[in-house]
All heavy atoms as atom14 arrays in JSON, in Angstrom:
{
  "sequence": "MDSLQIASFVVRFQLAAVEKETGKKQWRIKV",
  "atom14_mask": [
    [1, 1, 1, 1, 1, 1, 1, 1, 0, 0, 0, 0, 0, 0],
    [1, 1, 1, 1, 1, 1, 1, 1, 0, 0, 0, 0, 0, 0],
    [1, 1, 1, 1, 1, 1, 0, 0, 0, 0, 0, 0, 0, 0],
    [1, 1, 1, 1, 1, 1, 1, 1, 0, 0, 0, 0, 0, 0],
    [1, 1, 1, 1, 1, 1, 1, 1, 1, 0, 0, 0, 0, 0],
    [1, 1, 1, 1, 1, 1, 1, 1, 0, 0, 0, 0, 0, 0],
    [1, 1, 1, 1, 1, 0, 0, 0, 0, 0, 0, 0, 0, 0],
    [1, 1, 1, 1, 1, 1, 0, 0, 0, 0, 0, 0, 0, 0],
    [1, 1, 1, 1, 1, 1, 1, 1, 1, 1, 1, 0, 0, 0],
    [1, 1, 1, 1, 1, 1, 1, 0, 0, 0, 0, 0, 0, 0],
    [1, 1, 1, 1, 1, 1, 1, 0, 0, 0, 0, 0, 0, 0],
    [1, 1, 1, 1, 1, 1, 1, 1, 1, 1, 1, 0, 0, 0],
    [1, 1, 1, 1, 1, 1, 1, 1, 1, 1, 1, 0, 0, 0],
    [1, 1, 1, 1, 1, 1, 1, 1, 1, 0, 0, 0, 0, 0],
    [1, 1, 1, 1, 1, 1, 1, 1, 0, 0, 0, 0, 0, 0],
    [1, 1, 1, 1, 1, 0, 0, 0, 0, 0, 0, 0, 0, 0],
    [1, 1, 1, 1, 1, 0, 0, 0, 0, 0, 0, 0, 0, 0],
    [1, 1, 1, 1, 1, 1, 1, 0, 0, 0, 0, 0, 0, 0],
    [1, 1, 1, 1, 1, 1, 1, 1, 1, 0, 0, 0, 0, 0],
    [1, 1, 1, 1, 1, 1, 1, 1, 1, 0, 0, 0, 0, 0],
    [1, 1, 1, 1, 1, 1, 1, 1, 1, 0, 0, 0, 0, 0],
    [1, 1, 1, 1, 1, 1, 1, 0, 0, 0, 0, 0, 0, 0],
    [1, 1, 1, 1, 0, 0, 0, 0, 0, 0, 0, 0, 0, 0],
    [1, 1, 1, 1, 1, 1, 1, 1, 1, 0, 0, 0, 0, 0],
    [1, 1, 1, 1, 1, 1, 1, 1, 1, 0, 0, 0, 0, 0],
    [1, 1, 1, 1, 1, 1, 1, 1, 1, 0, 0, 0, 0, 0],
    [1, 1, 1, 1, 1, 1, 1, 1, 1, 1, 1, 1, 1, 1],
    [1, 1, 1, 1, 1, 1, 1, 1, 1, 1, 1, 0, 0, 0],
    [1, 1, 1, 1, 1, 1, 1, 1, 0, 0, 0, 0, 0, 0],
    [1, 1, 1, 1, 1, 1, 1, 1, 1, 0, 0, 0, 0, 0],
    [1, 1, 1, 1, 1, 1, 1, 0, 0, 0, 0, 0, 0, 0]
  ],
  "atom14_positions": [
    [[26.44, 5.63, 22.56], [25.96, 5.19, 21.27], [24.45, 4.91, 21.33], [23.96, 4.33, 22.27], [26.74, 3.94, 20.86], [26.33, 3.42, 19.51], [27.4, 2.02, 19.06], [26.75, 1.68, 17.51], [0.0, 0.0, 0.0], [0.0, 0.0, 0.0], [0.0, 0.0, 0.0], [0.0, 0.0, 0.0], [0.0, 0.0, 0.0], [0.0, 0.0, 0.0]],
    [[23.75, 5.36, 20.32], [22.29, 5.12, 20.24], [22.0, 3.65, 20.02], [22.76, 2.92, 19.42], [21.69, 5.92, 19.09], [21.74, 7.4, 19.31], [21.76, 7.81, 20.48], [21.75, 8.16, 18.33], [0.0, 0.0, 0.0], [0.0, 0.0, 0.0], [0.0, 0.0, 0.0], [0.0, 0.0, 0.0], [0.0, 0.0, 0.0], [0.0, 0.0, 0.0]],
    [[20.89, 3.22, 20.58], [20.5, 1.8, 20.41], [20.06, 1.58, 18.93], [19.53, 2.47, 18.28], [19.37, 1.42, 21.35], [18.21, 2.19, 21.04], [0.0, 0.0, 0.0], [0.0, 0.0, 0.0], [0.0, 0.0, 0.0], [0.0, 0.0, 0.0], [0.0, 0.0, 0.0], [0.0, 0.0, 0.0], [0.0, 0.0, 0.0], [0.0, 0.0, 0.0]],
    [[20.32, 0.39, 18.48], [20.0, 0.02, 17.11], [18.49, -0.17, 16.98], [17.88, -0.9, 17.76], [20.73, -1.3, 16.76], [20.46, -1.83, 15.35], [21.01, -0.88, 14.31], [21.11, -3.2, 15.21], [0.0, 0.0, 0.0], [0.0, 0.0, 0.0], [0.0, 0.0, 0.0], [0.0, 0.0, 0.0], [0.0, 0.0, 0.0], [0.0, 0.0, 0.0]],
    [[17.87, 0.53, 16.0], [16.45, 0.37, 15.75], [16.29, -0.32, 14.4], [16.94, 0.04, 13.45], [15.76, 1.7, 15.76], [15.7, 2.34, 17.12], [14.84, 3.6, 17.12], [14.53, 4.17, 16.07], [14.4, 4.0, 18.27], [0.0, 0.0, 0.0], [0.0, 0.0, 0.0], [0.0, 0.0, 0.0], [0.0, 0.0, 0.0], [0.0, 0.0, 0.0]],
    [[15.37, -1.29, 14.39], [15.1, -2.03, 13.16], [13.62, -2.0, 12.89], [12.82, -2.21, 13.82], [15.58, -3.46, 13.25], [17.12, -3.49, 13.42], [15.15, -4.3, 12.04], [17.69, -4.86, 13.65], [0.0, 0.0, 0.0], [0.0, 0.0, 0.0], [0.0, 0.0, 0.0], [0.0, 0.0, 0.0], [0.0, 0.0, 0.0], [0.0, 0.0, 0.0]],
    [[13.2, -1.74, 11.66], [11.82, -1.85, 11.26], [11.76, -2.76, 10.09], [12.35, -2.52, 9.03], [11.25, -0.47, 10.89], [0.0, 0.0, 0.0], [0.0, 0.0, 0.0], [0.0, 0.0, 0.0], [0.0, 0.0, 0.0], [0.0, 0.0, 0.0], [0.0, 0.0, 0.0], [0.0, 0.0, 0.0], [0.0, 0.0, 0.0], [0.0, 0.0, 0.0]],
    [[11.07, -3.89, 10.25], [10.96, -4.89, 9.18], [9.51, -5.06, 8.79], [8.6, -5.06, 9.64], [11.49, -6.26, 9.67], [12.79, -6.15, 10.11], [0.0, 0.0, 0.0], [0.0, 0.0, 0.0], [0.0, 0.0, 0.0], [0.0, 0.0, 0.0], [0.0, 0.0, 0.0], [0.0, 0.0, 0.0], [0.0, 0.0, 0.0], [0.0, 0.0, 0.0]],
    [[9.32, -5.18, 7.48], [7.97, -5.33, 6.92], [7.94, -6.51, 5.94], [8.91, -6.72, 5.17], [7.57, -4.05, 6.14], [7.53, -2.85, 6.99], [8.64, -2.04, 7.09], [6.41, -2.46, 7.65], [8.63, -0.88, 7.85], [6.38, -1.29, 8.45], [7.5, -0.52, 8.52], [0.0, 0.0, 0.0], [0.0, 0.0, 0.0], [0.0, 0.0, 0.0]],
    [[6.84, -7.22, 5.96], [6.57, -8.25, 4.94], [5.38, -7.67, 4.12], [4.37, -7.31, 4.68], [6.18, -9.61, 5.54], [5.82, -10.6, 4.49], [7.36, -10.11, 6.38], [0.0, 0.0, 0.0], [0.0, 0.0, 0.0], [0.0, 0.0, 0.0], [0.0, 0.0, 0.0], [0.0, 0.0, 0.0], [0.0, 0.0, 0.0], [0.0, 0.0, 0.0]],
    [[5.54, -7.62, 2.79], [4.52, -7.06, 1.93], [4.04, -8.14, 0.98], [4.87, -8.74, 0.26], [5.05, -5.83, 1.15], [3.95, -5.25, 0.27], [5.62, -4.78, 2.09], [0.0, 0.0, 0.0], [0.0, 0.0, 0.0], [0.0, 0.0, 0.0], [0.0, 0.0, 0.0], [0.0, 0.0, 0.0], [0.0, 0.0, 0.0], [0.0, 0.0, 0.0]],
    [[2.72, -8.41, 0.96], [2.17, -9.46, 0.1], [1.11, -8.84, -0.81], [0.18, -8.17, -0.32], [1.54, -10.57, 0.92], [1.14, -11.75, 0.06], [0.44, -12.8, 0.83], [-0.98, -12.42, 0.84], [-1.85, -12.94, 1.64], [-1.5, -13.82, 2.57], [-3.13, -12.61, 1.6], [0.0, 0.0, 0.0], [0.0, 0.0, 0.0], [0.0, 0.0, 0.0]],
    [[1.28, -9.05, -2.12], [0.33, -8.58, -3.1], [-0.54, -9.75, -3.55], [-0.01, -10.79, -3.91], [1.05, -8.03, -4.34], [1.75, -6.73, -4.07], [3.0, -6.73, -3.49], [1.21, -5.53, -4.47], [3.69, -5.55, -3.23], [1.88, -4.33, -4.22], [3.12, -4.34, -3.6], [0.0, 0.0, 0.0], [0.0, 0.0, 0.0], [0.0, 0.0, 0.0]],
    [[-1.88, -9.56, -3.53], [-2.8, -10.57, -4.0], [-3.73, -9.92, -5.04], [-4.35, -8.89, -4.76], [-3.62, -11.12, -2.85], [-4.61, -12.17, -3.27], [-5.42, -12.71, -2.11], [-5.28, -12.28, -0.95], [-6.25, -13.7, -2.38], [0.0, 0.0, 0.0], [0.0, 0.0, 0.0], [0.0, 0.0, 0.0], [0.0, 0.0, 0.0], [0.0, 0.0, 0.0]],
    [[-3.78, -10.52, -6.21], [-4.64, -9.98, -7.24], [-6.09, -10.15, -6.86], [-6.56, -11.25, -6.59], [-4.38, -10.71, -8.59], [-5.13, -10.18, -9.81], [-4.76, -8.71, -10.06], [-4.8, -11.03, -11.0], [0.0, 0.0, 0.0], [0.0, 0.0, 0.0], [0.0, 0.0, 0.0], [0.0, 0.0, 0.0], [0.0, 0.0, 0.0], [0.0, 0.0, 0.0]],
    [[-6.81, -9.01, -6.74], [-8.19, -9.01, -6.28], [-9.15, -9.04, -7.47], [-10.17, -9.75, -7.41], [-8.49, -7.78, -5.44], [0.0, 0.0, 0.0], [0.0, 0.0, 0.0], [0.0, 0.0, 0.0], [0.0, 0.0, 0.0], [0.0, 0.0, 0.0], [0.0, 0.0, 0.0], [0.0, 0.0, 0.0], [0.0, 0.0, 0.0], [0.0, 0.0, 0.0]],
    [[-8.82, -8.36, -8.6], [-9.73, -8.32, -9.72], [-8.99, -7.71, -10.9], [-7.92, -7.06, -10.74], [-10.94, -7.47, -9.42], [0.0, 0.0, 0.0], [0.0, 0.0, 0.0], [0.0, 0.0, 0.0], [0.0, 0.0, 0.0], [0.0, 0.0, 0.0], [0.0, 0.0, 0.0], [0.0, 0.0, 0.0], [0.0, 0.0, 0.0], [0.0, 0.0, 0.0]],
    [[-9.52, -7.95, -12.09], [-9.0, -7.34, -13.33], [-10.21, -6.73, -14.03], [-11.22, -7.43, -14.28], [-8.31, -8.41, -14.24], [-7.85, -7.73, -15.51], [-7.2, -9.08, -13.51], [0.0, 0.0, 0.0], [0.0, 0.0, 0.0], [0.0, 0.0, 0.0], [0.0, 0.0, 0.0], [0.0, 0.0, 0.0], [0.0, 0.0, 0.0], [0.0, 0.0, 0.0]],
    [[-10.09, -5.42, -14.35], [-11.17, -4.76, -15.06], [-11.24, -5.3, -16.46], [-10.24, -5.33, -17.19], [-10.92, -3.25, -15.04], [-11.07, -2.61, -13.69], [-10.85, -1.1, -13.71], [-10.92, -0.49, -14.82], [-10.64, -0.54, -12.64], [0.0, 0.0, 0.0], [0.0, 0.0, 0.0], [0.0, 0.0, 0.0], [0.0, 0.0, 0.0], [0.0, 0.0, 0.0]],
    [[-12.43, -5.73, -16.9], [-12.59, -6.32, -18.22], [-12.25, -5.39, -19.34], [-11.6, -5.77, -20.31], [-13.98, -6.89, -18.36], [-14.26, -8.11, -17.5], [-15.63, -8.63, -17.76], [-15.9, -9.89, -16.85], [-17.23, -10.45, -17.07], [0.0, 0.0, 0.0], [0.0, 0.0, 0.0], [0.0, 0.0, 0.0], [0.0, 0.0, 0.0], [0.0, 0.0, 0.0]],
    [[-12.72, -4.13, -19.24], [-12.55, -3.21, -20.36], [-11.13, -2.72, -20.53], [-10.63, -2.59, -21.6], [-13.5, -2.02, -20.19], [-14.98, -2.4, -20.31], [-15.88, -1.21, -20.11], [-15.42, -0.09, -20.0], [-17.13, -1.42, -20.07], [0.0, 0.0, 0.0], [0.0, 0.0, 0.0], [0.0, 0.0, 0.0], [0.0, 0.0, 0.0], [0.0, 0.0, 0.0]],
    [[-10.48, -2.41, -19.4], [-9.13, -1.82, -19.45], [-8.01, -2.82, -19.18], [-6.87, -2.54, -19.51], [-9.01, -0.67, -18.43], [-9.15, -1.22, -17.11], [-10.07, 0.41, -18.67], [0.0, 0.0, 0.0], [0.0, 0.0, 0.0], [0.0, 0.0, 0.0], [0.0, 0.0, 0.0], [0.0, 0.0, 0.0], [0.0, 0.0, 0.0], [0.0, 0.0, 0.0]],
    [[-8.34, -3.91, -18.56], [-7.3, -4.88, -18.18], [-6.49, -4.44, -16.94], [-5.53, -5.1, -16.55], [0.0, 0.0, 0.0], [0.0, 0.0, 0.0], [0.0, 0.0, 0.0], [0.0, 0.0, 0.0], [0.0, 0.0, 0.0], [0.0, 0.0, 0.0], [0.0, 0.0, 0.0], [0.0, 0.0, 0.0], [0.0, 0.0, 0.0], [0.0, 0.0, 0.0]],
    [[-6.96, -3.33, -16.32], [-6.27, -2.84, -15.1], [-6.43, -3.82, -13.95], [-7.54, -4.3, -13.69], [-6.79, -1.44, -14.75], [-6.05, -0.86, -13.56], [-6.62, 0.55, -13.25], [-5.91, 1.1, -12.01], [-6.42, 2.4, -11.65], [0.0, 0.0, 0.0], [0.0, 0.0, 0.0], [0.0, 0.0, 0.0], [0.0, 0.0, 0.0], [0.0, 0.0, 0.0]],
    [[-5.33, -4.09, -13.29], [-5.37, -5.04, -12.17], [-5.62, -4.24, -10.86], [-5.09, -3.17, -10.67], [-4.04, -5.75, -12.08], [-3.79, -6.65, -13.25], [-2.45, -7.34, -13.14], [-2.23, -8.2, -14.35], [-0.9, -8.86, -14.34], [0.0, 0.0, 0.0], [0.0, 0.0, 0.0], [0.0, 0.0, 0.0], [0.0, 0.0, 0.0], [0.0, 0.0, 0.0]],
    [[-6.46, -4.85, -10.0], [-6.67, -4.27, -8.7], [-6.05, -5.27, -7.69], [-6.3, -6.44, -7.74], [-8.18, -4.13, -8.42], [-8.85, -3.17, -9.37], [-10.32, -3.12, -9.18], [-10.91, -3.95, -8.48], [-10.98, -2.18, -9.85], [0.0, 0.0, 0.0], [0.0, 0.0, 0.0], [0.0, 0.0, 0.0], [0.0, 0.0, 0.0], [0.0, 0.0, 0.0]],
    [[-5.26, -4.66, -6.78], [-4.51, -5.52, -5.82], [-5.02, -5.29, -4.4], [-5.4, -4.21, -4.04], [-3.03, -5.14, -5.88], [-2.41, -5.46, -7.21], [-2.23, -4.59, -8.24], [-1.86, -6.7, -7.61], [-1.63, -5.24, -9.28], [-1.38, -6.55, -8.92], [-1.72, -7.93, -7.04], [-0.8, -7.58, -9.64], [-1.13, -8.95, -7.74], [-0.68, -8.79, -9.02]],
    [[-4.97, -6.35, -3.61], [-5.11, -6.24, -2.19], [-3.71, -6.48, -1.61], [-3.07, -7.49, -1.92], [-6.07, -7.27, -1.63], [-6.24, -7.13, -0.15], [-7.4, -7.89, 0.38], [-7.25, -9.31, 0.09], [-8.18, -10.23, 0.35], [-9.31, -9.9, 0.83], [-7.91, -11.51, 0.11], [0.0, 0.0, 0.0], [0.0, 0.0, 0.0], [0.0, 0.0, 0.0]],
    [[-3.25, -5.55, -0.81], [-1.9, -5.58, -0.33], [-1.89, -5.7, 1.2], [-2.51, -4.88, 1.88], [-1.12, -4.31, -0.75], [-1.25, -4.06, -2.25], [0.35, -4.38, -0.33], [-0.92, -2.66, -2.69], [0.0, 0.0, 0.0], [0.0, 0.0, 0.0], [0.0, 0.0, 0.0], [0.0, 0.0, 0.0], [0.0, 0.0, 0.0], [0.0, 0.0, 0.0]],
    [[-1.25, -6.75, 1.7], [-1.17, -6.94, 3.14], [0.27, -6.64, 3.6], [1.2, -7.2, 3.05], [-1.54, -8.37, 3.54], [-1.46, -8.58, 5.04], [-2.09, -9.91, 5.48], [-1.13, -11.03, 5.3], [-1.6, -12.3, 5.88], [0.0, 0.0, 0.0], [0.0, 0.0, 0.0], [0.0, 0.0, 0.0], [0.0, 0.0, 0.0], [0.0, 0.0, 0.0]],
    [[0.39, -5.76, 4.54], [1.66, -5.38, 5.11], [1.71, -5.87, 6.57], [0.83, -5.55, 7.34], [1.9, -3.85, 5.03], [3.21, -3.49, 5.71], [1.84, -3.37, 3.61], [0.0, 0.0, 0.0], [0.0, 0.0, 0.0], [0.0, 0.0, 0.0], [0.0, 0.0, 0.0], [0.0, 0.0, 0.0], [0.0, 0.0, 0.0], [0.0, 0.0, 0.0]]
  ]
}
């Protein structure tokens, strides 16, 4: 039997900026 492989990730979104004209959000994402 093959050994069990696990890949775990923690993903964090932090709002970096909001464009004034469009309101589009820019995110910094840490994985």
